Amino acid sequence: MKRLAPWIVGLGAISYGIPASLFKLAGRAGVQNGSLLFWSFFSSAVILTLIHVSRGRRLNAQNTSWRQVLLVMAAGTASGFTNTFYILALRSIPVAVAAVMLMQSVWLSVLLGAMIKRQWPSRRQLLSIILVLAGTVLAADLLPITTALSGWGLLFSFLAAVAYAGTLQFTASLGNNLEPLTKTWLLCVGALGLIVVAWGPQLINVPFSLVAVKWGLLTACFSMILPLACYSRFMPLVPLGVGPILSSLELPASIVVAFLLLGEWVSWLQLVGVIVIISAVIFANRPGIKFK
């Protein structure tokens, strides 16, 4: 299973790159951000609840406690914070800048993991992180910056990166004695609670729409169910520092999906950035990684 772990975690990261294009398509269809987020997280929670109930795996039979259950649900709010902060950031800064800021979650997650486990990553992994950040700037087609950037936009995008780093670490360190689907279900329920609180005022004023439900259900598969299931089961199996590097595959995936679904132009410089990121991921996962 450990040999498959990097591949499955990478699949979860790629899945996270798809919703950005789906959000844009939903916006073109007239779906508001709050309504889209609510139906996305609500659909995830309902689907996972039905799976959990149908399997008959009770929480009290999984060697857990209510304290741990509440901690996992609280950890799920990190995913809700990530989506909330990211959408707020996109109101005032370009997508490229927001994407670069979100990728700060790579080094933030490594730092958080080192503090939690008191185990510092190797030089190879640190070099991989530098390559990922450099490739991110190229892949996002960020340079040169010709317009003034909003301080609030930069702050919200950085907070999104902090929340995403928390998601990576929490899925790897909390509730590992729970079954992966049970853990994913609890994370989704916690995220839904955060979305309801954060976007409640907008949800009250937005009428019910089947279009919003459709787009919410579609984004739920790629923004919550698939990635959290991959992370919950396999993130604890990858070495310290490798998981965050694998998560950087989200940006190349978002570029490819935007090209396929939205017809957005991809420059040669962006392709170079994608190659640099993928090379950094391969470099970090070469056999023989050692830790200090």
Protein backbone atom coordinates (compact mmCIF):
# COMPACT_ATOMS: atom_id res chain seq x y z
CA MET A 1 0.00 0.00 0.00
CA LYS A 2 2.88 2.36 0.68
CA ARG A 3 4.03 2.06 -2.93
CA LEU A 4 0.59 3.13 -4.13
CA ALA A 5 0.25 5.94 -1.59
CA PRO A 6 2.10 8.69 -3.60
CA TRP A 7 0.06 7.85 -6.70
CA ILE A 8 -3.29 8.02 -4.87
CA VAL A 9 -2.36 11.23 -3.03
CA GLY A 10 -1.31 12.69 -6.40
CA LEU A 11 -4.70 11.68 -7.81
CA GLY A 12 -6.39 13.56 -4.98
CA ALA A 13 -4.29 16.65 -5.72
CA ILE A 14 -5.17 16.46 -9.43
CA SER A 15 -8.83 16.22 -8.45
CA TYR A 16 -8.48 19.50 -6.55
CA GLY A 17 -7.41 21.17 -9.81
CA ILE A 18 -10.73 20.49 -11.54
CA PRO A 19 -13.23 22.58 -9.47
CA ALA A 20 -11.64 25.92 -10.46
CA SER A 21 -12.87 25.49 -14.04
CA LEU A 22 -16.21 24.14 -12.81
CA PHE A 23 -16.64 27.22 -10.61
CA LYS A 24 -16.14 29.44 -13.67
CA LEU A 25 -18.64 27.44 -15.72
CA ALA A 26 -21.14 27.60 -12.87
CA GLY A 27 -20.62 31.37 -12.64
CA ARG A 28 -21.36 31.70 -16.34
CA ALA A 29 -24.59 29.78 -15.67
CA GLY A 30 -25.56 32.42 -13.09
CA VAL A 31 -24.83 30.43 -9.92
CA GLN A 32 -23.64 32.59 -7.00
CA ASN A 33 -20.59 31.64 -4.97
CA GLY A 34 -22.36 31.05 -1.68
CA SER A 35 -25.05 28.88 -3.25
CA LEU A 36 -22.47 26.86 -5.21
CA LEU A 37 -20.33 26.22 -2.13
CA PHE A 38 -23.33 25.24 -0.03
CA TRP A 39 -24.69 22.70 -2.51
CA SER A 40 -21.21 21.34 -3.13
CA PHE A 41 -20.52 20.65 0.54
CA PHE A 42 -24.12 19.64 1.25
CA SER A 43 -24.04 17.08 -1.59
CA SER A 44 -20.75 15.70 -0.29
CA ALA A 45 -22.12 15.32 3.23
CA VAL A 46 -25.36 13.66 2.04
CA ILE A 47 -23.59 11.19 -0.27
CA LEU A 48 -21.03 10.19 2.35
CA THR A 49 -23.72 9.94 5.03
CA LEU A 50 -25.73 7.53 2.87
CA ILE A 51 -22.59 5.45 2.23
CA HIS A 52 -21.73 5.43 5.93
CA VAL A 53 -25.24 4.38 6.99
CA SER A 54 -25.55 1.71 4.27
CA ARG A 55 -22.27 0.10 5.34
CA GLY A 56 -23.45 -0.13 8.94
CA ARG A 57 -20.08 0.85 10.40
CA ARG A 58 -20.91 2.55 13.67
CA LEU A 59 -18.51 5.02 15.23
CA ASN A 60 -18.47 3.23 18.57
CA ALA A 61 -17.22 0.10 16.81
CA GLN A 62 -14.16 1.85 15.35
CA ASN A 63 -12.08 2.26 18.50
CA THR A 64 -12.71 5.99 18.74
CA SER A 65 -14.12 8.54 21.17
CA TRP A 66 -16.48 11.47 20.82
CA ARG A 67 -13.56 13.79 21.47
CA GLN A 68 -11.74 12.40 18.44
CA VAL A 69 -14.90 12.57 16.34
CA LEU A 70 -15.32 16.24 17.19
CA LEU A 71 -11.65 16.92 16.44
CA VAL A 72 -11.96 15.37 12.97
CA MET A 73 -15.12 17.38 12.29
CA ALA A 74 -13.37 20.53 13.45
CA ALA A 75 -10.45 19.69 11.14
CA GLY A 76 -12.94 19.53 8.27
CA THR A 77 -13.60 23.24 8.64
CA ALA A 78 -10.12 23.81 7.14
CA SER A 79 -11.49 22.77 3.74
CA GLY A 80 -14.42 25.15 4.13
CA PHE A 81 -12.05 27.97 5.08
CA THR A 82 -9.88 27.19 2.03
CA ASN A 83 -12.78 27.58 -0.41
CA THR A 84 -14.19 30.63 1.37
CA PHE A 85 -10.91 32.56 1.51
CA TYR A 86 -10.01 31.61 -2.06
CA ILE A 87 -13.29 32.88 -3.50
CA LEU A 88 -12.98 36.12 -1.52
CA ALA A 89 -9.43 36.56 -2.86
CA LEU A 90 -10.55 36.10 -6.47
CA ARG A 91 -12.80 39.13 -6.13
CA SER A 92 -9.85 41.52 -6.03
CA ILE A 93 -6.75 39.81 -7.47
CA PRO A 94 -6.06 37.86 -10.69
CA VAL A 95 -6.41 34.08 -10.73
CA ALA A 96 -2.68 33.70 -11.44
CA VAL A 97 -1.71 35.64 -8.32
CA ALA A 98 -4.23 33.76 -6.18
CA ALA A 99 -2.90 30.44 -7.50
CA VAL A 100 0.67 31.35 -6.61
CA MET A 101 -0.39 32.41 -3.12
CA LEU A 102 -2.37 29.19 -2.65
CA MET A 103 0.71 27.14 -3.51
CA GLN A 104 2.41 28.61 -0.46
CA SER A 105 0.58 25.78 1.27
CA VAL A 106 3.45 23.53 0.14
CA TRP A 107 6.06 25.01 2.46
CA LEU A 108 3.47 25.93 5.09
CA SER A 109 2.34 22.30 5.31
CA VAL A 110 5.93 21.05 5.51
CA LEU A 111 6.64 23.54 8.30
CA LEU A 112 3.46 22.58 10.15
CA GLY A 113 4.26 18.88 9.82
CA ALA A 114 7.81 19.41 11.07
CA MET A 115 6.48 21.26 14.13
CA ILE A 116 3.89 18.56 14.88
CA LYS A 117 6.15 15.54 14.37
CA ARG A 118 9.44 17.24 15.27
CA GLN A 119 11.01 15.67 12.21
CA TRP A 120 12.61 17.96 9.62
CA PRO A 121 12.52 17.12 5.91
CA SER A 122 15.65 16.21 3.97
CA ARG A 123 17.62 18.47 1.68
CA ARG A 124 16.11 16.70 -1.30
CA GLN A 125 12.60 17.57 -0.16
CA LEU A 126 13.56 21.18 0.57
CA LEU A 127 15.00 21.45 -2.94
CA SER A 128 11.78 19.96 -4.31
CA ILE A 129 9.75 22.63 -2.49
CA ILE A 130 11.90 25.39 -4.04
CA LEU A 131 11.39 23.85 -7.49
CA VAL A 132 7.64 23.64 -6.90
CA LEU A 133 7.42 27.34 -5.97
CA ALA A 134 9.55 28.36 -8.95
CA GLY A 135 7.47 26.21 -11.27
CA THR A 136 4.29 27.68 -9.80
CA VAL A 137 5.31 31.21 -10.77
CA LEU A 138 5.99 30.05 -14.35
CA ALA A 139 2.91 27.83 -14.64
CA ALA A 140 0.60 30.59 -13.39
CA ASP A 141 2.06 32.97 -16.00
CA LEU A 142 2.48 35.49 -13.21
CA LEU A 143 5.41 37.53 -14.50
CA PRO A 144 5.54 40.35 -15.30
CA ILE A 145 3.07 41.95 -12.87
CA THR A 146 1.76 45.12 -14.54
CA THR A 147 -1.13 46.06 -12.21
CA ALA A 148 -1.39 47.01 -8.55
CA LEU A 149 -2.45 44.17 -6.27
CA SER A 150 -5.05 44.38 -3.53
CA GLY A 151 -3.71 43.88 -0.03
CA TRP A 152 -6.97 42.25 1.04
CA GLY A 153 -6.83 39.89 -1.94
CA LEU A 154 -3.29 38.83 -1.06
CA LEU A 155 -4.29 38.35 2.58
CA PHE A 156 -7.31 36.19 1.74
CA SER A 157 -5.31 34.05 -0.70
CA PHE A 158 -2.58 33.53 1.88
CA LEU A 159 -5.20 32.55 4.47
CA ALA A 160 -6.54 30.05 1.91
CA ALA A 161 -3.02 28.60 1.68
CA VAL A 162 -2.82 28.34 5.48
CA ALA A 163 -6.19 26.56 5.58
CA TYR A 164 -5.17 24.18 2.78
CA ALA A 165 -1.93 23.38 4.61
CA GLY A 166 -4.07 22.55 7.64
CA THR A 167 -6.22 20.24 5.50
CA LEU A 168 -3.14 18.34 4.32
CA GLN A 169 -1.79 17.87 7.82
CA PHE A 170 -5.09 17.13 9.55
CA THR A 171 -6.02 14.39 7.07
CA ALA A 172 -2.62 12.82 7.70
CA SER A 173 -2.51 13.03 11.50
CA LEU A 174 -6.08 12.93 12.87
CA GLY A 175 -8.44 9.99 13.15
CA ASN A 176 -6.16 7.43 11.52
CA ASN A 177 -7.85 4.64 13.47
CA LEU A 178 -11.12 5.50 11.73
CA GLU A 179 -12.08 3.93 8.42
CA PRO A 180 -11.16 6.26 5.52
CA LEU A 181 -14.76 6.75 4.36
CA THR A 182 -15.89 7.43 7.92
CA LYS A 183 -13.12 9.96 8.36
CA THR A 184 -13.96 11.61 5.03
CA TRP A 185 -17.63 11.79 6.06
CA LEU A 186 -16.77 13.54 9.33
CA LEU A 187 -14.48 16.01 7.52
CA CYS A 188 -17.26 16.85 5.07
CA VAL A 189 -19.80 17.40 7.85
CA GLY A 190 -17.41 19.78 9.60
CA ALA A 191 -16.76 21.68 6.36
CA LEU A 192 -20.50 21.97 5.68
CA GLY A 193 -21.05 23.52 9.11
CA LEU A 194 -18.44 26.18 8.37
CA ILE A 195 -19.96 26.98 4.96
CA VAL A 196 -23.45 27.36 6.47
CA VAL A 197 -22.13 29.81 9.07
CA ALA A 198 -19.91 31.77 6.67
CA TRP A 199 -22.36 32.04 3.77
CA GLY A 200 -25.66 31.91 5.71
CA PRO A 201 -26.71 35.53 5.00
CA GLN A 202 -26.28 35.06 1.25
CA LEU A 203 -27.98 31.67 1.27
CA ILE A 204 -31.08 33.15 2.89
CA ASN A 205 -31.50 35.71 0.10
CA VAL A 206 -30.77 33.36 -2.83
CA PRO A 207 -33.77 31.44 -4.23
CA PHE A 208 -33.59 27.67 -4.74
CA SER A 209 -32.13 26.70 -8.11
CA LEU A 210 -31.76 23.29 -9.73
CA VAL A 211 -28.85 24.68 -11.72
CA ALA A 212 -26.99 25.42 -8.49
CA VAL A 213 -27.74 21.91 -7.20
CA LYS A 214 -26.42 20.37 -10.44
CA TRP A 215 -23.16 22.30 -10.36
CA GLY A 216 -22.81 21.76 -6.63
CA LEU A 217 -23.17 18.00 -7.02
CA LEU A 218 -20.59 17.96 -9.83
CA THR A 219 -18.02 20.01 -7.94
CA ALA A 220 -18.61 17.94 -4.79
CA CYS A 221 -17.10 14.87 -6.43
CA PHE A 222 -13.83 16.64 -7.28
CA SER A 223 -13.51 19.19 -4.47
CA MET A 224 -14.45 17.03 -1.46
CA ILE A 225 -15.33 13.36 -1.92
CA LEU A 226 -12.48 12.10 -4.13
CA PRO A 227 -9.57 14.19 -2.76
CA LEU A 228 -10.48 13.80 0.91
CA ALA A 229 -10.97 10.06 0.47
CA CYS A 230 -7.52 9.82 -1.16
CA TYR A 231 -5.90 11.98 1.51
CA SER A 232 -7.61 10.30 4.46
CA ARG A 233 -6.52 6.81 3.43
CA PHE A 234 -3.09 7.35 1.90
CA MET A 235 -1.66 10.64 3.22
CA PRO A 236 -0.57 8.98 6.51
CA LEU A 237 1.45 6.47 4.43
CA VAL A 238 3.67 8.99 2.61
CA PRO A 239 6.85 10.35 4.25
CA LEU A 240 6.95 13.73 5.98
CA GLY A 241 7.15 16.55 3.46
CA VAL A 242 6.23 14.44 0.43
CA GLY A 243 2.45 14.91 0.76
CA PRO A 244 2.59 18.72 0.40
CA ILE A 245 4.88 18.38 -2.63
CA LEU A 246 2.41 15.97 -4.22
CA SER A 247 -0.38 18.47 -3.56
CA SER A 248 1.34 20.89 -5.96
CA LEU A 249 0.02 18.75 -8.85
CA GLU A 250 -3.20 20.71 -8.36
CA LEU A 251 -1.86 23.68 -10.35
CA PRO A 252 -0.80 21.75 -13.49
CA ALA A 253 -4.13 19.93 -13.37
CA SER A 254 -6.05 23.20 -13.16
CA ILE A 255 -4.14 24.57 -16.17
CA VAL A 256 -4.84 21.49 -18.29
CA VAL A 257 -8.52 21.37 -17.30
CA ALA A 258 -8.92 25.10 -18.00
CA PHE A 259 -7.44 24.52 -21.45
CA LEU A 260 -9.79 21.61 -22.15
CA LEU A 261 -13.02 22.99 -20.65
CA LEU A 262 -12.61 26.76 -20.97
CA GLY A 263 -10.30 27.01 -23.96
CA GLU A 264 -7.82 29.15 -22.03
CA TRP A 265 -4.52 29.63 -23.85
CA VAL A 266 -1.45 27.94 -22.41
CA SER A 267 1.91 29.58 -23.15
CA TRP A 268 5.26 27.84 -23.51
CA LEU A 269 6.36 29.44 -20.26
CA GLN A 270 3.43 27.84 -18.46
CA LEU A 271 4.31 24.46 -19.94
CA VAL A 272 7.85 24.88 -18.62
CA GLY A 273 6.41 25.62 -15.18
CA VAL A 274 4.24 22.49 -15.35
CA ILE A 275 7.28 20.38 -16.27
CA VAL A 276 9.27 21.89 -13.38
CA ILE A 277 6.49 21.05 -10.88
CA ILE A 278 6.11 17.48 -12.13
CA SER A 279 9.90 17.05 -12.08
CA ALA A 280 9.97 18.25 -8.46
CA VAL A 281 7.30 15.71 -7.52
CA ILE A 282 9.23 12.89 -9.21
CA PHE A 283 12.47 14.06 -7.57
CA ALA A 284 10.86 14.04 -4.11
CA ASN A 285 9.50 10.52 -4.61
CA ARG A 286 12.65 8.86 -5.86
CA PRO A 287 13.63 5.76 -3.87
CA GLY A 288 16.05 6.20 -1.03
CA ILE A 289 14.70 9.40 0.52
CA LYS A 290 16.37 9.95 3.86
CA PHE A 291 15.37 12.16 6.76
CA LYS A 292 17.27 14.00 9.41
